[in-house]
């Protein structure tokens, strides 16, 4: 579904049926006090677009780098297949999907 920031995200839910105006992020818990402004700085839509691994689990957190700066979404990753954590979510853990030879420096 399209977020308030205008990007597609599978975790965003909006219910606009018959005048309703209910929006929520199903990745962030209700206790995190989600607001639509968080969608503008959220890295999850780009991660989903660049890596569709079914073994990758995203663990979000809300941080405020400085007291006067708006809250931002940070994502930690975990691979259920290889049990690795902390890898670049745009690329993946490197074990679930084999990279083509051109990316490894091998000539075809």
Protein backbone atom coordinates (compact mmCIF):
# COMPACT_ATOMS: atom_id res chain seq x y z
CA UNK A 1 0.00 0.00 0.00
CA UNK A 2 1.20 3.52 -0.67
CA UNK A 3 2.52 5.37 2.40
CA UNK A 4 1.95 9.06 3.20
CA UNK A 5 5.46 9.61 1.77
CA UNK A 6 4.26 8.22 -1.58
CA UNK A 7 6.25 4.95 -1.56
CA UNK A 8 4.99 1.37 -1.61
CA UNK A 9 5.39 -0.52 1.68
CA UNK A 10 3.88 -3.88 2.65
CA UNK A 11 3.84 -2.94 6.35
CA UNK A 12 1.73 0.22 5.95
CA UNK A 13 -2.03 -0.18 6.30
CA UNK A 14 -4.63 2.47 5.55
CA UNK A 15 -8.37 2.00 5.98
CA UNK A 16 -10.27 4.67 4.04
CA UNK A 17 -13.48 2.73 3.42
CA UNK A 18 -16.64 4.85 3.75
CA UNK A 19 -14.98 7.88 5.28
CA UNK A 20 -12.67 6.09 7.70
CA UNK A 21 -9.21 7.51 8.09
CA UNK A 22 -7.21 4.88 9.97
CA UNK A 23 -3.51 4.45 9.18
CA UNK A 24 -0.93 2.27 10.88
CA UNK A 25 2.47 0.73 10.39
CA UNK A 26 2.38 -2.98 11.10
CA UNK A 27 6.15 -3.22 11.39
CA UNK A 28 6.32 -0.81 14.31
CA UNK A 29 4.44 -1.78 17.44
CA UNK A 30 1.51 0.28 18.68
CA UNK A 31 3.58 1.20 21.74
CA UNK A 32 6.09 3.03 19.53
CA UNK A 33 3.52 5.74 18.78
CA UNK A 34 3.71 5.66 14.99
CA UNK A 35 2.93 8.88 13.13
CA UNK A 36 2.68 9.46 9.35
CA UNK A 37 5.78 11.71 9.46
CA UNK A 38 7.93 8.64 10.20
CA UNK A 39 7.24 7.30 6.69
CA UNK A 40 9.32 10.10 5.17
CA UNK A 41 12.54 8.93 6.89
CA UNK A 42 11.80 5.20 6.94
CA UNK A 43 14.32 3.00 5.05
CA UNK A 44 12.01 -0.05 4.86
CA UNK A 45 10.40 0.63 1.42
CA UNK A 46 13.85 0.82 -0.23
CA UNK A 47 14.97 -2.34 1.58
CA UNK A 48 11.90 -4.25 0.41
CA UNK A 49 12.41 -3.03 -3.14
CA UNK A 50 16.10 -4.02 -3.28
CA UNK A 51 15.97 -7.31 -1.32
CA UNK A 52 13.03 -9.72 -1.33
CA UNK A 53 14.65 -12.50 0.74
CA UNK A 54 12.01 -14.45 2.66
CA UNK A 55 14.52 -15.34 5.40
CA UNK A 56 15.38 -11.73 6.32
CA UNK A 57 13.66 -10.35 9.41
CA UNK A 58 13.54 -6.60 9.99
CA UNK A 59 13.63 -5.34 13.58
CA UNK A 60 12.74 -1.65 13.69
CA UNK A 61 13.42 0.89 16.40
CA UNK A 62 12.67 4.57 16.81
CA UNK A 63 15.57 6.81 17.69
CA UNK A 64 16.04 10.50 18.24
CA UNK A 65 19.66 11.40 17.40
CA UNK A 66 19.46 14.75 19.19
CA UNK A 67 16.75 16.19 21.44
CA UNK A 68 15.73 18.80 18.85
CA UNK A 69 15.64 16.42 15.84
CA UNK A 70 12.55 14.46 14.76
CA UNK A 71 12.33 10.73 15.46
CA UNK A 72 13.71 8.39 12.82
CA UNK A 73 13.23 4.70 12.04
CA UNK A 74 16.32 2.48 12.24
CA UNK A 75 16.25 -1.14 11.13
CA UNK A 76 18.34 -4.07 12.36
CA UNK A 77 18.43 -7.25 10.31
CA UNK A 78 18.48 -10.96 11.10
CA UNK A 79 18.60 -13.94 8.75
CA UNK A 80 16.54 -16.92 9.90
CA UNK A 81 18.36 -19.32 7.56
CA UNK A 82 21.98 -18.54 8.49
CA UNK A 83 21.32 -16.95 11.91
CA UNK A 84 23.42 -13.90 11.02
CA UNK A 85 22.61 -10.40 12.17
CA UNK A 86 23.79 -6.90 11.45
CA UNK A 87 24.33 -7.19 7.68
CA UNK A 88 23.42 -4.61 5.06
CA UNK A 89 19.70 -5.13 4.40
CA UNK A 90 19.93 -3.83 0.83
CA UNK A 91 22.35 -6.61 -0.13
CA UNK A 92 21.45 -9.45 2.25
CA UNK A 93 23.51 -11.90 4.26
CA UNK A 94 25.26 -13.36 1.20
CA UNK A 95 24.29 -16.98 1.86
CA UNK A 96 20.61 -17.16 0.92
CA UNK A 97 21.04 -15.98 -2.67
CA UNK A 98 24.16 -16.62 -4.71
CA UNK A 99 25.58 -13.50 -6.35
CA UNK A 100 26.30 -13.61 -10.10
CA UNK A 101 29.94 -13.93 -11.11
CA UNK A 102 30.11 -10.38 -12.41
CA UNK A 103 29.65 -9.06 -8.86
CA UNK A 104 32.35 -11.36 -7.47
CA UNK A 105 34.94 -10.21 -10.01
CA UNK A 106 34.81 -13.35 -12.13
CA UNK A 107 34.83 -12.97 -15.88
CA UNK A 108 32.30 -14.88 -17.89
